[in-house]
């Protein structure tokens, strides 16, 4: 019997997010520069005759282990693409907050696909993995490689990996889950209606930290304003980040409620993390690197 396999499911951070418009079928077309954090969940696969899942960790309580779980959905989607699979029992150590705009469930699903690929000796770039990822969720394809890039469409079009400089980032979630569908409903675009237009171009993404932060400041997150109406506490988080010494930029990720702040160096980043964790002990606060 093969030994157990393990992968990290890293948090996805939307450095920018533009809503290009809403298609006639109701889906929203997006453009987003994404990066991945050094924090995440851990997923282990114990090879065996039956597909199964257990969940633990500080954020695992109450999460469903039924057929709706994205890890199990990913396994079924890959089996549909390539036929019978060797699989086994997954165990998820959940550390990322749920419904928080950092793609935790999508990262877990992508992690399951990576582990199944290793167990079944599929190449990491096998097209079946990408097809299965797209069937599970819009953010799952970009989480497969977990590399910085621009994603467009509804998540199915990925630009080439981008050599971003390491970004010292503080991630903060106030413990309030925010449902993506509620934020898009508050955005209020009708089918066929255009949004705010294109965002940052891959050719204009600087490879230095000061240049990148300056470029990010010219864009934004179109979901931030509607998310503030759904969960006003996001404004409190952003204000707390912006007043930290050395904060160069603070913004919401995805559809919220997780926000991030960028700092020039690790010392300012860590100091801000300690200050916020002490001031708001109920918040999830993590100092990390984005790449």
Protein backbone atom coordinates (compact mmCIF):
# COMPACT_ATOMS: atom_id res chain seq x y z
CA UNK A 1 0.00 0.00 0.00
CA UNK A 2 1.50 3.42 -0.96
CA UNK A 3 2.38 5.81 1.83
CA UNK A 4 0.08 8.72 2.61
CA UNK A 5 0.42 11.86 0.49
CA UNK A 6 0.23 15.44 1.78
CA UNK A 7 -0.13 18.90 0.23
CA UNK A 8 -0.63 22.48 1.36
CA UNK A 9 -3.78 24.32 0.29
CA UNK A 10 -2.57 27.92 0.31
CA UNK A 11 -4.82 30.96 0.66
CA UNK A 12 -5.55 32.82 -2.58
CA UNK A 13 -5.42 36.61 -2.36
CA UNK A 14 -7.02 38.86 -4.98
CA UNK A 15 -4.59 41.77 -5.22
CA UNK A 16 -6.97 43.35 -7.72
CA UNK A 17 -10.48 42.38 -8.82
CA UNK A 18 -12.42 44.04 -11.63
CA UNK A 19 -15.92 43.03 -12.65
CA UNK A 20 -15.92 43.29 -16.45
CA UNK A 21 -19.65 42.64 -16.71
CA UNK A 22 -22.41 40.11 -16.33
CA UNK A 23 -23.01 37.65 -19.12
CA UNK A 24 -26.40 36.80 -20.57
CA UNK A 25 -26.28 33.47 -18.71
CA UNK A 26 -25.94 35.30 -15.40
CA UNK A 27 -22.27 34.60 -14.73
CA UNK A 28 -19.98 37.53 -13.93
CA UNK A 29 -16.84 38.07 -16.01
CA UNK A 30 -13.89 39.05 -13.82
CA UNK A 31 -10.28 40.07 -14.13
CA UNK A 32 -8.06 39.55 -11.11
CA UNK A 33 -4.38 39.57 -10.26
CA UNK A 34 -4.02 36.81 -7.69
CA UNK A 35 -1.16 35.77 -5.44
CA UNK A 36 -0.84 33.01 -2.88
CA UNK A 37 -0.01 33.25 0.80
CA UNK A 38 2.32 31.19 2.94
CA UNK A 39 -0.60 30.18 5.16
CA UNK A 40 -3.18 27.56 4.32
CA UNK A 41 -4.86 24.27 5.08
CA UNK A 42 -3.17 20.85 5.03
CA UNK A 43 -4.68 17.95 3.11
CA UNK A 44 -3.56 14.32 3.42
CA UNK A 45 -4.61 11.35 1.31
CA UNK A 46 -4.31 7.84 2.75
CA UNK A 47 -4.62 5.48 -0.24
CA UNK A 48 -7.34 2.89 0.17
CA UNK A 49 -10.27 1.13 -1.45
CA UNK A 50 -12.94 3.71 -0.58
CA UNK A 51 -13.21 7.46 -1.01
CA UNK A 52 -13.71 9.23 2.33
CA UNK A 53 -13.07 12.46 4.19
CA UNK A 54 -12.57 13.65 7.75
CA UNK A 55 -11.99 17.24 8.85
CA UNK A 56 -10.11 18.62 11.85
CA UNK A 57 -8.12 21.71 12.73
CA UNK A 58 -9.04 25.02 14.36
CA UNK A 59 -11.50 25.98 11.59
CA UNK A 60 -12.92 22.56 10.85
CA UNK A 61 -15.85 22.43 13.22
CA UNK A 62 -19.21 22.24 11.49
CA UNK A 63 -17.88 21.78 7.96
CA UNK A 64 -19.85 19.31 5.86
CA UNK A 65 -18.30 15.97 4.96
CA UNK A 66 -21.17 15.00 2.67
CA UNK A 67 -21.36 14.96 -1.12
CA UNK A 68 -21.37 18.77 -1.26
CA UNK A 69 -17.80 19.03 0.08
CA UNK A 70 -15.50 20.38 -2.64
CA UNK A 71 -12.77 17.82 -1.90
CA UNK A 72 -15.15 14.97 -2.67
CA UNK A 73 -16.59 16.90 -5.62
CA UNK A 74 -13.07 17.22 -7.02
CA UNK A 75 -12.45 13.48 -6.73
CA UNK A 76 -15.71 12.70 -8.51
CA UNK A 77 -15.01 15.28 -11.23
CA UNK A 78 -11.58 13.80 -11.97
CA UNK A 79 -13.01 10.28 -12.05
CA UNK A 80 -15.58 11.51 -14.56
CA UNK A 81 -12.77 12.87 -16.74
CA UNK A 82 -10.41 9.90 -16.75
CA UNK A 83 -12.39 6.92 -15.50
CA UNK A 84 -11.84 4.83 -12.36
CA UNK A 85 -9.29 6.33 -9.98
CA UNK A 86 -7.14 5.08 -7.19
CA UNK A 87 -8.26 7.17 -4.24
CA UNK A 88 -8.62 6.72 -0.48
CA UNK A 89 -9.35 8.66 2.67
CA UNK A 90 -8.69 12.41 2.77
CA UNK A 91 -8.05 14.24 6.02
CA UNK A 92 -8.25 18.02 6.00
CA UNK A 93 -6.65 20.17 8.70
CA UNK A 94 -8.68 23.37 8.29
CA UNK A 95 -6.88 26.56 9.31
CA UNK A 96 -8.32 29.12 6.90
CA UNK A 97 -11.61 30.84 7.77
CA UNK A 98 -14.57 29.75 5.65
CA UNK A 99 -16.61 32.01 3.32
CA UNK A 100 -13.83 34.55 3.65
CA UNK A 101 -12.75 35.60 0.14
CA UNK A 102 -9.42 33.75 0.12
CA UNK A 103 -10.45 30.61 -1.74
CA UNK A 104 -10.03 28.15 1.11
CA UNK A 105 -12.52 25.60 -0.21
CA UNK A 106 -11.19 26.00 -3.74
CA UNK A 107 -7.61 25.51 -2.52
CA UNK A 108 -8.69 22.34 -0.71
CA UNK A 109 -10.34 21.00 -3.88
CA UNK A 110 -7.25 21.82 -5.94
CA UNK A 111 -5.12 20.08 -3.31
CA UNK A 112 -7.28 16.96 -3.66
CA UNK A 113 -6.71 16.99 -7.42
CA UNK A 114 -2.95 17.33 -6.95
CA UNK A 115 -2.87 14.38 -4.53
CA UNK A 116 -5.00 12.21 -6.79
CA UNK A 117 -2.74 13.11 -9.72
CA UNK A 118 0.31 11.97 -7.74
CA UNK A 119 -1.40 8.75 -6.66
CA UNK A 120 -2.53 7.97 -10.21
CA UNK A 121 0.71 9.13 -11.84
CA UNK A 122 -0.88 11.93 -13.81
CA UNK A 123 1.33 14.79 -14.97
CA UNK A 124 0.76 18.03 -13.01
CA UNK A 125 -0.29 19.73 -16.26
CA UNK A 126 -2.62 16.96 -17.43
CA UNK A 127 -5.60 18.72 -19.10
CA UNK A 128 -7.99 16.43 -17.23
CA UNK A 129 -6.99 18.12 -13.96
CA UNK A 130 -7.85 21.54 -15.32
CA UNK A 131 -11.16 20.35 -16.74
CA UNK A 132 -12.09 18.73 -13.43
CA UNK A 133 -11.05 21.86 -11.52
CA UNK A 134 -13.32 24.04 -13.65
CA UNK A 135 -16.29 21.79 -12.95
CA UNK A 136 -15.80 22.12 -9.18
CA UNK A 137 -15.57 25.90 -8.87
CA UNK A 138 -14.43 29.12 -10.50
CA UNK A 139 -11.35 29.56 -8.28
CA UNK A 140 -10.19 25.94 -8.37
CA UNK A 141 -8.21 26.14 -11.68
CA UNK A 142 -5.97 28.97 -10.46
CA UNK A 143 -5.38 27.11 -7.19
CA UNK A 144 -4.04 24.03 -8.98
CA UNK A 145 -0.56 25.52 -9.35
CA UNK A 146 -1.06 28.24 -6.72
CA UNK A 147 1.18 30.68 -8.59
CA UNK A 148 0.67 34.40 -9.07
CA UNK A 149 -1.08 35.22 -12.35
CA UNK A 150 -4.00 37.10 -13.87
CA UNK A 151 -7.24 35.15 -14.10
CA UNK A 152 -10.12 36.25 -16.33
CA UNK A 153 -13.53 35.08 -17.48
CA UNK A 154 -15.26 33.21 -14.68
CA UNK A 155 -11.89 31.80 -13.65
CA UNK A 156 -11.31 29.50 -16.60
CA UNK A 157 -8.79 31.72 -18.44
CA UNK A 158 -5.40 31.91 -16.75
CA UNK A 159 -2.48 34.05 -17.83
CA UNK A 160 1.11 32.83 -17.50
CA UNK A 161 2.69 32.73 -14.04
CA UNK A 162 4.03 36.14 -13.01
CA UNK A 163 7.35 36.65 -11.19
CA UNK A 164 5.96 38.87 -8.44
CA UNK A 165 8.38 40.14 -5.82
CA UNK A 166 7.66 38.75 -2.34
CA UNK A 167 5.01 40.92 -0.66
CA UNK A 168 4.90 41.27 3.12
CA UNK A 169 1.20 41.00 3.87
CA UNK A 170 -1.03 40.96 6.91
CA UNK A 171 -4.25 38.98 6.45
CA UNK A 172 -7.18 39.79 8.72
CA UNK A 173 -10.65 38.27 8.94
CA UNK A 174 -13.17 39.52 11.53
CA UNK A 175 -14.89 36.16 11.90
CA UNK A 176 -17.95 37.08 9.86
CA UNK A 177 -18.67 34.71 6.94
CA UNK A 178 -19.69 36.51 3.75
CA UNK A 179 -21.54 34.60 1.04
CA UNK A 180 -20.32 35.43 -2.46
CA UNK A 181 -23.82 35.29 -3.92
CA UNK A 182 -24.99 38.00 -1.50
CA UNK A 183 -22.16 40.32 -2.56
CA UNK A 184 -22.87 39.88 -6.28
CA UNK A 185 -26.56 40.44 -5.59
CA UNK A 186 -25.67 43.70 -3.86
CA UNK A 187 -23.43 44.66 -6.80
CA UNK A 188 -26.64 44.65 -8.81
CA UNK A 189 -25.46 44.08 -12.38
CA UNK A 190 -28.19 42.83 -14.69
CA UNK A 191 -27.59 40.10 -17.29
CA UNK A 192 -25.77 41.66 -20.24
CA UNK A 193 -24.72 44.76 -18.29
CA UNK A 194 -21.12 45.98 -18.40
CA UNK A 195 -19.08 46.54 -15.28
CA UNK A 196 -16.13 48.79 -14.54
CA UNK A 197 -13.87 47.72 -17.41
CA UNK A 198 -10.42 46.14 -17.52
CA UNK A 199 -7.94 46.23 -14.66
CA UNK A 200 -4.17 45.84 -14.42
CA UNK A 201 -2.40 44.29 -17.42
CA UNK A 202 0.11 41.47 -17.03
CA UNK A 203 2.60 43.44 -19.14
CA UNK A 204 2.39 46.31 -16.67
CA UNK A 205 2.94 44.27 -13.47
CA UNK A 206 6.27 45.54 -12.05
CA UNK A 207 8.84 43.09 -10.70
CA UNK A 208 9.86 45.27 -7.74
CA UNK A 209 7.91 45.61 -4.52
CA UNK A 210 7.61 49.44 -4.54
CA UNK A 211 6.62 49.43 -8.20
CA UNK A 212 4.06 46.70 -7.70
CA UNK A 213 2.44 48.40 -4.72
CA UNK A 214 2.23 51.64 -6.72
CA UNK A 215 0.62 49.78 -9.63
CA UNK A 216 -1.86 48.06 -7.31
CA UNK A 217 -2.89 51.43 -5.91
CA UNK A 218 -4.21 52.42 -9.35
CA UNK A 219 -6.64 49.50 -9.38
CA UNK A 220 -8.95 48.07 -6.73
CA UNK A 221 -11.59 45.48 -5.85
CA UNK A 222 -15.00 46.15 -7.40
CA UNK A 223 -16.65 43.86 -4.84
CA UNK A 224 -15.42 45.87 -1.86
CA UNK A 225 -18.23 48.45 -1.90
CA UNK A 226 -21.09 45.91 -2.15
CA UNK A 227 -19.39 43.68 0.43
CA UNK A 228 -19.28 46.63 2.85
CA UNK A 229 -23.05 46.88 2.57
CA UNK A 230 -23.41 43.16 3.27
CA UNK A 231 -20.89 43.13 6.14
CA UNK A 232 -20.09 46.65 7.45
CA UNK A 233 -17.42 45.23 9.78
CA UNK A 234 -15.14 45.04 6.72
CA UNK A 235 -14.80 48.83 6.91
CA UNK A 236 -13.63 48.47 10.52
CA UNK A 237 -10.98 45.95 9.43
CA UNK A 238 -9.73 48.17 6.61
CA UNK A 239 -9.53 51.18 8.92
CA UNK A 240 -7.57 49.16 11.49
CA UNK A 241 -5.11 48.03 8.82
CA UNK A 242 -4.64 51.46 7.27
CA UNK A 243 -3.67 53.05 10.57
CA UNK A 244 -0.86 50.55 11.20
CA UNK A 245 2.65 52.04 10.90
CA UNK A 246 4.19 51.17 7.55
CA UNK A 247 0.98 50.12 5.82
CA UNK A 248 1.36 50.89 2.13
CA UNK A 249 -1.98 49.57 0.88
CA UNK A 250 -5.03 47.89 2.43
CA UNK A 251 -7.74 46.14 0.46
CA UNK A 252 -10.38 43.43 0.67
CA UNK A 253 -9.70 40.07 -1.01
CA UNK A 254 -12.29 38.37 -3.20
CA UNK A 255 -15.83 38.88 -1.96
CA UNK A 256 -14.67 39.34 1.65
CA UNK A 257 -14.53 39.53 4.52
CA UNK A 258 -10.77 38.87 4.63
CA UNK A 259 -8.68 41.99 4.05
CA UNK A 260 -4.95 42.39 3.54
CA UNK A 261 -2.39 45.10 4.09
CA UNK A 262 1.01 45.35 2.40
CA UNK A 263 4.16 46.52 4.19
CA UNK A 264 7.70 47.36 3.13
CA UNK A 265 9.38 44.81 5.39
CA UNK A 266 8.74 41.82 7.64
CA UNK A 267 9.32 43.77 10.87
CA UNK A 268 6.55 46.30 10.20
CA UNK A 269 4.31 43.46 9.01
CA UNK A 270 4.89 41.37 12.13
CA UNK A 271 4.50 44.37 14.46
CA UNK A 272 1.15 45.23 12.89
CA UNK A 273 0.05 41.63 13.29
CA UNK A 274 0.91 41.61 16.98
CA UNK A 275 -0.86 44.92 17.57
CA UNK A 276 -4.06 43.85 15.81
CA UNK A 277 -4.13 40.42 17.42
CA UNK A 278 -3.88 42.08 20.83
CA UNK A 279 -6.50 44.73 20.04
CA UNK A 280 -8.93 42.29 18.39
CA UNK A 281 -8.43 38.83 19.92
CA UNK A 282 -11.52 37.50 18.13
CA UNK A 283 -10.11 38.27 14.69
CA UNK A 284 -8.06 35.87 12.53
CA UNK A 285 -4.73 37.68 12.01
CA UNK A 286 -1.82 36.23 10.02
CA UNK A 287 1.42 37.88 8.90
CA UNK A 288 2.68 36.14 5.78
CA UNK A 289 4.40 36.45 2.40
CA UNK A 290 2.47 36.64 -0.87
CA UNK A 291 4.04 35.28 -4.03
